[in-house]
């Protein structure tokens, strides 16, 4: 009889946090999702754009959202605005990290206006991502 091995359940500080990665580039989306799994996230959902992300959030709000800015048909800023209007981001809501390959001050300022918790410039390194996530989640009230 063959032995059946169970998949090892994630352990650690992020094991019980569901993350949502919203990114239109398949490679970057998969890369960030895999990095999240490597740093211990137990559940990682992905969406290719803001519209798909809205559907996921409506079903079950994640404990963290990592979102690209430039996507079609709905970009990151529009997604954040819609979620904020629904009371799901900003303040004590879904902690959000914006991703962009552009670090222009106007993007950073717009993210701040929308109460985004952090901003990372692509390409994202796993250690920098983990540290930013720790900082963002530690700020969230229990």
N, C-alpha and C. Protein backbone atom coordinates (compact mmCIF):
# COMPACT_ATOMS: atom_id res chain seq x y z
N UNK A 1 0.85 -1.16 0.00
CA UNK A 1 0.00 0.00 0.00
C UNK A 1 0.90 1.23 0.00
N UNK A 2 0.60 2.18 -0.86
CA UNK A 2 1.40 3.40 -0.98
C UNK A 2 1.04 4.36 0.15
N UNK A 3 2.07 5.01 0.64
CA UNK A 3 1.85 6.01 1.70
C UNK A 3 1.27 7.27 1.08
N UNK A 4 0.33 7.85 1.76
CA UNK A 4 -0.28 9.10 1.30
C UNK A 4 0.27 10.21 2.18
N UNK A 5 0.89 11.19 1.54
CA UNK A 5 1.43 12.29 2.33
C UNK A 5 0.50 13.50 2.21
N UNK A 6 0.21 14.07 3.34
CA UNK A 6 -0.64 15.26 3.36
C UNK A 6 0.22 16.48 3.08
N UNK A 7 -0.35 17.44 2.39
CA UNK A 7 0.36 18.68 2.15
C UNK A 7 0.57 19.39 3.48
N UNK A 8 1.76 19.93 3.64
CA UNK A 8 2.08 20.61 4.89
C UNK A 8 1.30 21.93 4.96
N UNK A 9 0.58 22.11 6.02
CA UNK A 9 -0.19 23.34 6.20
C UNK A 9 0.75 24.49 6.52
N UNK A 10 0.50 25.67 5.94
CA UNK A 10 1.33 26.83 6.25
C UNK A 10 1.28 27.14 7.74
N UNK A 11 2.41 27.56 8.26
CA UNK A 11 2.49 27.94 9.66
C UNK A 11 3.15 29.31 9.75
N UNK A 12 2.96 29.97 10.88
CA UNK A 12 3.62 31.25 11.07
C UNK A 12 2.64 32.40 11.10
N UNK A 13 3.20 33.58 11.05
CA UNK A 13 2.42 34.80 11.26
C UNK A 13 1.34 35.07 10.20
N UNK A 14 1.49 34.53 8.99
CA UNK A 14 0.53 34.81 7.92
C UNK A 14 -0.36 33.62 7.57
N UNK A 15 -0.22 32.52 8.29
CA UNK A 15 -0.90 31.28 7.93
C UNK A 15 -2.42 31.42 7.87
N UNK A 16 -2.99 32.29 8.70
CA UNK A 16 -4.44 32.43 8.75
C UNK A 16 -4.94 33.67 8.01
N UNK A 17 -4.07 34.29 7.23
CA UNK A 17 -4.44 35.50 6.48
C UNK A 17 -4.68 35.12 5.03
N UNK A 18 -5.81 35.54 4.49
CA UNK A 18 -6.08 35.35 3.07
C UNK A 18 -5.60 36.59 2.33
N UNK A 19 -4.81 36.39 1.30
CA UNK A 19 -4.31 37.50 0.48
C UNK A 19 -4.96 37.45 -0.89
N UNK A 20 -5.19 38.62 -1.46
CA UNK A 20 -5.70 38.75 -2.82
C UNK A 20 -4.68 39.53 -3.63
N UNK A 21 -4.21 38.94 -4.72
CA UNK A 21 -3.28 39.60 -5.63
C UNK A 21 -4.05 40.01 -6.87
N UNK A 22 -4.09 41.31 -7.14
CA UNK A 22 -4.81 41.84 -8.30
C UNK A 22 -3.77 42.41 -9.26
N UNK A 23 -3.56 41.72 -10.36
CA UNK A 23 -2.49 42.08 -11.30
C UNK A 23 -2.84 41.52 -12.67
N UNK A 24 -2.75 42.35 -13.70
CA UNK A 24 -3.13 41.90 -15.03
C UNK A 24 -2.03 41.11 -15.74
N UNK A 25 -0.79 41.27 -15.34
CA UNK A 25 0.30 40.53 -15.97
C UNK A 25 0.39 39.15 -15.32
N UNK A 26 0.16 38.10 -16.11
CA UNK A 26 0.14 36.74 -15.58
C UNK A 26 1.42 36.39 -14.84
N UNK A 27 2.57 36.74 -15.42
CA UNK A 27 3.85 36.40 -14.80
C UNK A 27 3.99 37.07 -13.44
N UNK A 28 3.71 38.37 -13.37
CA UNK A 28 3.85 39.10 -12.11
C UNK A 28 2.84 38.61 -11.09
N UNK A 29 1.60 38.35 -11.53
CA UNK A 29 0.56 37.85 -10.62
C UNK A 29 0.99 36.52 -10.00
N UNK A 30 1.48 35.61 -10.83
CA UNK A 30 1.93 34.31 -10.32
C UNK A 30 3.16 34.45 -9.43
N UNK A 31 4.07 35.34 -9.80
CA UNK A 31 5.27 35.57 -9.01
C UNK A 31 4.92 36.07 -7.61
N UNK A 32 4.07 37.08 -7.53
CA UNK A 32 3.67 37.63 -6.22
C UNK A 32 2.89 36.60 -5.42
N UNK A 33 1.99 35.87 -6.07
CA UNK A 33 1.22 34.84 -5.36
C UNK A 33 2.16 33.77 -4.79
N UNK A 34 3.14 33.36 -5.57
CA UNK A 34 4.11 32.36 -5.09
C UNK A 34 4.96 32.91 -3.96
N UNK A 35 5.35 34.18 -4.04
CA UNK A 35 6.11 34.79 -2.95
C UNK A 35 5.29 34.79 -1.67
N UNK A 36 4.01 35.09 -1.79
CA UNK A 36 3.14 35.09 -0.61
C UNK A 36 3.06 33.70 0.01
N UNK A 37 2.96 32.69 -0.82
CA UNK A 37 2.92 31.31 -0.32
C UNK A 37 4.25 30.95 0.35
N UNK A 38 5.35 31.40 -0.24
CA UNK A 38 6.67 31.11 0.32
C UNK A 38 6.88 31.77 1.69
N UNK A 39 6.27 32.94 1.88
CA UNK A 39 6.44 33.61 3.18
C UNK A 39 5.37 33.17 4.18
N UNK A 40 4.52 32.21 3.78
CA UNK A 40 3.65 31.57 4.74
C UNK A 40 2.16 31.85 4.67
N UNK A 41 1.68 32.49 3.62
CA UNK A 41 0.24 32.73 3.51
C UNK A 41 -0.47 31.41 3.23
N UNK A 42 -1.51 31.15 3.99
CA UNK A 42 -2.25 29.90 3.84
C UNK A 42 -3.20 29.90 2.67
N UNK A 43 -3.69 31.07 2.28
CA UNK A 43 -4.65 31.15 1.19
C UNK A 43 -4.35 32.39 0.37
N UNK A 44 -4.11 32.19 -0.93
CA UNK A 44 -3.83 33.30 -1.83
C UNK A 44 -4.79 33.21 -3.02
N UNK A 45 -5.60 34.24 -3.18
CA UNK A 45 -6.50 34.34 -4.32
C UNK A 45 -5.89 35.31 -5.32
N UNK A 46 -6.24 35.16 -6.59
CA UNK A 46 -5.72 36.07 -7.60
C UNK A 46 -6.85 36.56 -8.49
N UNK A 47 -6.63 37.76 -9.04
CA UNK A 47 -7.59 38.35 -9.98
C UNK A 47 -6.80 39.10 -11.05
N UNK A 48 -7.24 39.01 -12.32
CA UNK A 48 -6.51 39.67 -13.40
C UNK A 48 -6.84 41.15 -13.58
N UNK A 49 -7.86 41.64 -12.88
CA UNK A 49 -8.23 43.05 -12.99
C UNK A 49 -9.18 43.42 -11.86
N UNK A 50 -9.52 44.70 -11.81
CA UNK A 50 -10.37 45.21 -10.74
C UNK A 50 -11.76 44.60 -10.71
N UNK A 51 -12.33 44.35 -11.88
CA UNK A 51 -13.69 43.78 -11.92
C UNK A 51 -13.71 42.39 -11.28
N UNK A 52 -12.74 41.57 -11.62
CA UNK A 52 -12.66 40.23 -11.04
C UNK A 52 -12.39 40.31 -9.54
N UNK A 53 -11.59 41.28 -9.13
CA UNK A 53 -11.29 41.46 -7.70
C UNK A 53 -12.54 41.84 -6.92
N UNK A 54 -13.37 42.70 -7.49
CA UNK A 54 -14.61 43.09 -6.81
C UNK A 54 -15.48 41.87 -6.50
N UNK A 55 -15.57 40.95 -7.45
CA UNK A 55 -16.37 39.75 -7.24
C UNK A 55 -15.81 38.90 -6.10
N UNK A 56 -14.48 38.79 -6.06
CA UNK A 56 -13.84 38.01 -5.00
C UNK A 56 -14.08 38.66 -3.64
N UNK A 57 -13.89 39.97 -3.57
CA UNK A 57 -14.06 40.69 -2.31
C UNK A 57 -15.51 40.63 -1.85
N UNK A 58 -16.45 40.68 -2.79
CA UNK A 58 -17.87 40.59 -2.42
C UNK A 58 -18.20 39.24 -1.79
N UNK A 59 -17.51 38.18 -2.22
CA UNK A 59 -17.76 36.86 -1.65
C UNK A 59 -17.13 36.72 -0.27
N UNK A 60 -15.90 37.19 -0.12
CA UNK A 60 -15.19 37.10 1.16
C UNK A 60 -14.02 38.08 1.13
N UNK A 61 -14.09 39.08 1.98
CA UNK A 61 -13.04 40.09 2.01
C UNK A 61 -11.72 39.46 2.48
N UNK A 62 -10.64 39.71 1.75
CA UNK A 62 -9.35 39.16 2.16
C UNK A 62 -8.77 39.94 3.34
N UNK A 63 -7.77 39.35 3.97
CA UNK A 63 -7.07 40.02 5.06
C UNK A 63 -6.00 40.96 4.58
N UNK A 64 -5.68 40.87 3.28
CA UNK A 64 -4.66 41.72 2.65
C UNK A 64 -4.91 41.72 1.15
N UNK A 65 -4.75 42.90 0.54
CA UNK A 65 -4.86 42.99 -0.92
C UNK A 65 -3.61 43.66 -1.46
N UNK A 66 -3.04 43.03 -2.48
CA UNK A 66 -1.90 43.59 -3.19
C UNK A 66 -2.38 43.86 -4.61
N UNK A 67 -2.30 45.11 -5.03
CA UNK A 67 -3.00 45.52 -6.24
C UNK A 67 -2.12 46.37 -7.16
N UNK A 68 -2.11 46.02 -8.43
CA UNK A 68 -1.44 46.79 -9.46
C UNK A 68 -2.26 48.06 -9.73
N UNK A 69 -1.62 49.05 -10.31
CA UNK A 69 -2.32 50.29 -10.65
C UNK A 69 -2.89 50.24 -12.06
N UNK A 70 -2.03 49.93 -13.04
CA UNK A 70 -2.43 49.99 -14.45
C UNK A 70 -2.97 48.65 -14.92
N UNK A 71 -4.30 48.55 -14.99
CA UNK A 71 -4.96 47.33 -15.48
C UNK A 71 -6.17 47.75 -16.31
N UNK A 72 -6.58 46.88 -17.20
CA UNK A 72 -7.79 47.09 -18.00
C UNK A 72 -8.72 45.91 -17.75
N UNK A 73 -9.99 46.04 -17.72
CA UNK A 73 -10.75 47.27 -17.94
C UNK A 73 -10.84 48.17 -16.70
N UNK A 74 -10.56 47.62 -15.50
CA UNK A 74 -10.63 48.44 -14.29
C UNK A 74 -9.28 48.41 -13.59
N UNK A 75 -8.69 49.59 -13.46
CA UNK A 75 -7.38 49.70 -12.83
C UNK A 75 -7.45 49.72 -11.31
N UNK A 76 -6.29 49.75 -10.70
CA UNK A 76 -6.18 49.69 -9.25
C UNK A 76 -6.81 50.86 -8.53
N UNK A 77 -6.62 52.08 -9.04
CA UNK A 77 -7.20 53.23 -8.36
C UNK A 77 -8.72 53.20 -8.39
N UNK A 78 -9.29 52.78 -9.53
CA UNK A 78 -10.75 52.66 -9.60
C UNK A 78 -11.25 51.56 -8.66
N UNK A 79 -10.52 50.44 -8.61
CA UNK A 79 -10.89 49.36 -7.69
C UNK A 79 -10.88 49.85 -6.25
N UNK A 80 -9.82 50.53 -5.86
CA UNK A 80 -9.72 51.04 -4.48
C UNK A 80 -10.85 52.03 -4.21
N UNK A 81 -11.14 52.90 -5.17
CA UNK A 81 -12.23 53.88 -5.00
C UNK A 81 -13.56 53.17 -4.79
N UNK A 82 -13.84 52.16 -5.60
CA UNK A 82 -15.11 51.42 -5.46
C UNK A 82 -15.18 50.68 -4.12
N UNK A 83 -14.07 50.06 -3.73
CA UNK A 83 -14.06 49.36 -2.44
C UNK A 83 -14.20 50.34 -1.30
N UNK A 84 -13.56 51.47 -1.42
CA UNK A 84 -13.65 52.50 -0.37
C UNK A 84 -15.09 53.01 -0.26
N UNK A 85 -15.73 53.23 -1.41
CA UNK A 85 -17.13 53.67 -1.40
C UNK A 85 -18.04 52.64 -0.74
N UNK A 86 -17.66 51.39 -0.80
CA UNK A 86 -18.42 50.31 -0.16
C UNK A 86 -18.00 50.10 1.29
N UNK A 87 -17.01 50.89 1.76
CA UNK A 87 -16.54 50.77 3.13
C UNK A 87 -15.58 49.61 3.36
N UNK A 88 -14.92 49.17 2.29
CA UNK A 88 -14.06 47.99 2.43
C UNK A 88 -12.56 48.31 2.45
N UNK A 89 -12.15 49.53 2.18
CA UNK A 89 -10.73 49.88 2.27
C UNK A 89 -10.58 51.16 3.05
N UNK A 90 -9.36 51.42 3.48
CA UNK A 90 -9.09 52.62 4.26
C UNK A 90 -9.38 52.38 5.72
N UNK A 91 -8.59 53.02 6.56
CA UNK A 91 -8.81 52.89 7.99
C UNK A 91 -8.71 51.46 8.47
N UNK A 92 -9.79 50.93 9.01
CA UNK A 92 -9.79 49.58 9.61
C UNK A 92 -10.28 48.51 8.63
N UNK A 93 -10.24 48.78 7.36
CA UNK A 93 -10.77 47.83 6.37
C UNK A 93 -9.66 46.95 5.80
N UNK A 94 -9.79 46.55 4.54
CA UNK A 94 -8.81 45.66 3.91
C UNK A 94 -7.46 46.37 3.80
N UNK A 95 -6.44 45.86 4.47
CA UNK A 95 -5.11 46.44 4.29
C UNK A 95 -4.68 46.27 2.82
N UNK A 96 -4.17 47.34 2.22
CA UNK A 96 -3.90 47.33 0.79
C UNK A 96 -2.50 47.83 0.49
N UNK A 97 -1.80 47.08 -0.36
CA UNK A 97 -0.49 47.48 -0.86
C UNK A 97 -0.63 47.64 -2.37
N UNK A 98 -0.27 48.82 -2.88
CA UNK A 98 -0.31 49.06 -4.32
C UNK A 98 1.03 48.68 -4.92
N UNK A 99 0.98 48.08 -6.11
CA UNK A 99 2.17 47.74 -6.88
C UNK A 99 2.17 48.57 -8.15
N UNK A 100 3.35 49.04 -8.53
CA UNK A 100 3.46 49.74 -9.79
C UNK A 100 4.89 49.70 -10.28
N UNK A 101 5.04 49.76 -11.58
CA UNK A 101 6.38 49.88 -12.13
C UNK A 101 6.75 51.36 -12.24
N UNK A 102 5.85 52.22 -11.80
CA UNK A 102 6.07 53.67 -11.84
C UNK A 102 6.06 54.23 -10.42
N UNK A 103 7.09 54.97 -10.09
CA UNK A 103 7.17 55.56 -8.74
C UNK A 103 6.97 57.08 -8.81
N UNK A 104 6.21 57.54 -9.79
CA UNK A 104 5.96 58.97 -9.91
C UNK A 104 5.21 59.49 -8.69
N UNK A 105 5.57 60.69 -8.24
CA UNK A 105 4.90 61.27 -7.07
C UNK A 105 3.38 61.33 -7.19
N UNK A 106 2.85 61.54 -8.40
CA UNK A 106 1.39 61.62 -8.55
C UNK A 106 0.72 60.29 -8.25
N UNK A 107 1.37 59.17 -8.57
CA UNK A 107 0.81 57.86 -8.24
C UNK A 107 0.83 57.65 -6.72
N UNK A 108 1.93 57.98 -6.10
CA UNK A 108 2.06 57.82 -4.66
C UNK A 108 1.06 58.73 -3.93
N UNK A 109 0.93 59.96 -4.41
CA UNK A 109 -0.03 60.89 -3.80
C UNK A 109 -1.47 60.37 -3.95
N UNK A 110 -1.81 59.86 -5.11
CA UNK A 110 -3.15 59.33 -5.33
C UNK A 110 -3.41 58.13 -4.41
N UNK A 111 -2.40 57.28 -4.24
CA UNK A 111 -2.54 56.13 -3.34
C UNK A 111 -2.77 56.61 -1.91
N UNK A 112 -2.06 57.62 -1.49
CA UNK A 112 -2.26 58.16 -0.13
C UNK A 112 -3.66 58.74 0.04
N UNK A 113 -4.14 59.46 -0.98
CA UNK A 113 -5.49 60.02 -0.92
C UNK A 113 -6.54 58.93 -0.74
N UNK A 114 -6.27 57.77 -1.31
CA UNK A 114 -7.21 56.65 -1.21
C UNK A 114 -6.98 55.79 0.03
N UNK A 115 -6.08 56.26 0.92
CA UNK A 115 -5.78 55.58 2.18
C UNK A 115 -5.18 54.19 1.96
N UNK A 116 -4.40 54.05 0.88
CA UNK A 116 -3.66 52.80 0.65
C UNK A 116 -2.59 52.71 1.73
N UNK A 117 -2.37 51.52 2.24
CA UNK A 117 -1.45 51.34 3.36
C UNK A 117 0.02 51.38 2.98
N UNK A 118 0.34 50.95 1.76
CA UNK A 118 1.75 50.94 1.34
C UNK A 118 1.81 50.93 -0.18
N UNK A 119 2.99 51.26 -0.68
CA UNK A 119 3.23 51.35 -2.11
C UNK A 119 4.56 50.66 -2.39
N UNK A 120 4.58 49.70 -3.31
CA UNK A 120 5.81 49.01 -3.70
C UNK A 120 6.03 49.15 -5.19
N UNK A 121 7.30 49.33 -5.57
CA UNK A 121 7.66 49.44 -6.97
C UNK A 121 8.13 48.08 -7.46
N UNK A 122 7.61 47.67 -8.62
CA UNK A 122 8.02 46.41 -9.24
C UNK A 122 9.39 46.58 -9.87
N UNK A 123 10.19 45.54 -9.94
CA UNK A 123 9.92 44.19 -9.49
C UNK A 123 10.00 44.09 -7.97
N UNK A 124 9.15 43.25 -7.41
CA UNK A 124 9.05 43.10 -5.96
C UNK A 124 9.93 41.94 -5.51
N UNK A 125 10.74 42.20 -4.51
CA UNK A 125 11.57 41.14 -3.92
C UNK A 125 10.84 40.58 -2.71
N UNK A 126 10.95 39.28 -2.54
CA UNK A 126 10.21 38.57 -1.49
C UNK A 126 10.46 39.15 -0.10
N UNK A 127 11.71 39.43 0.25
CA UNK A 127 12.01 39.96 1.58
C UNK A 127 11.40 41.34 1.80
N UNK A 128 11.45 42.19 0.77
CA UNK A 128 10.86 43.52 0.88
C UNK A 128 9.34 43.42 0.99
N UNK A 129 8.75 42.50 0.25
CA UNK A 129 7.31 42.28 0.31
C UNK A 129 6.91 41.81 1.71
N UNK A 130 7.63 40.84 2.25
CA UNK A 130 7.31 40.32 3.58
C UNK A 130 7.42 41.41 4.63
N UNK A 131 8.44 42.22 4.56
CA UNK A 131 8.62 43.29 5.55
C UNK A 131 7.51 44.33 5.45
N UNK A 132 7.13 44.69 4.22
CA UNK A 132 6.06 45.67 4.03
C UNK A 132 4.74 45.10 4.54
N UNK A 133 4.48 43.82 4.30
CA UNK A 133 3.26 43.19 4.78
C UNK A 133 3.23 43.19 6.31
N UNK A 134 4.34 42.84 6.93
CA UNK A 134 4.40 42.87 8.41
C UNK A 134 4.04 44.25 8.93
N UNK A 135 4.62 45.27 8.34
CA UNK A 135 4.37 46.64 8.78
C UNK A 135 2.89 47.00 8.62
N UNK A 136 2.32 46.67 7.47
CA UNK A 136 0.92 47.00 7.20
C UNK A 136 -0.01 46.25 8.14
N UNK A 137 0.22 44.95 8.33
CA UNK A 137 -0.68 44.16 9.18
C UNK A 137 -0.54 44.50 10.65
N UNK A 138 0.63 44.94 11.07
CA UNK A 138 0.81 45.33 12.48
C UNK A 138 0.05 46.63 12.78
N UNK A 139 -0.15 47.46 11.77
CA UNK A 139 -0.90 48.71 11.98
C UNK A 139 -2.38 48.48 12.10
N UNK A 140 -2.86 47.36 11.58
CA UNK A 140 -4.31 47.08 11.59
C UNK A 140 -4.77 46.77 12.99
N UNK A 141 -5.81 47.47 13.48
CA UNK A 141 -6.35 47.18 14.80
C UNK A 141 -6.92 45.77 14.84
N UNK A 142 -6.79 45.12 15.97
CA UNK A 142 -7.32 43.74 16.11
C UNK A 142 -8.81 43.74 16.28
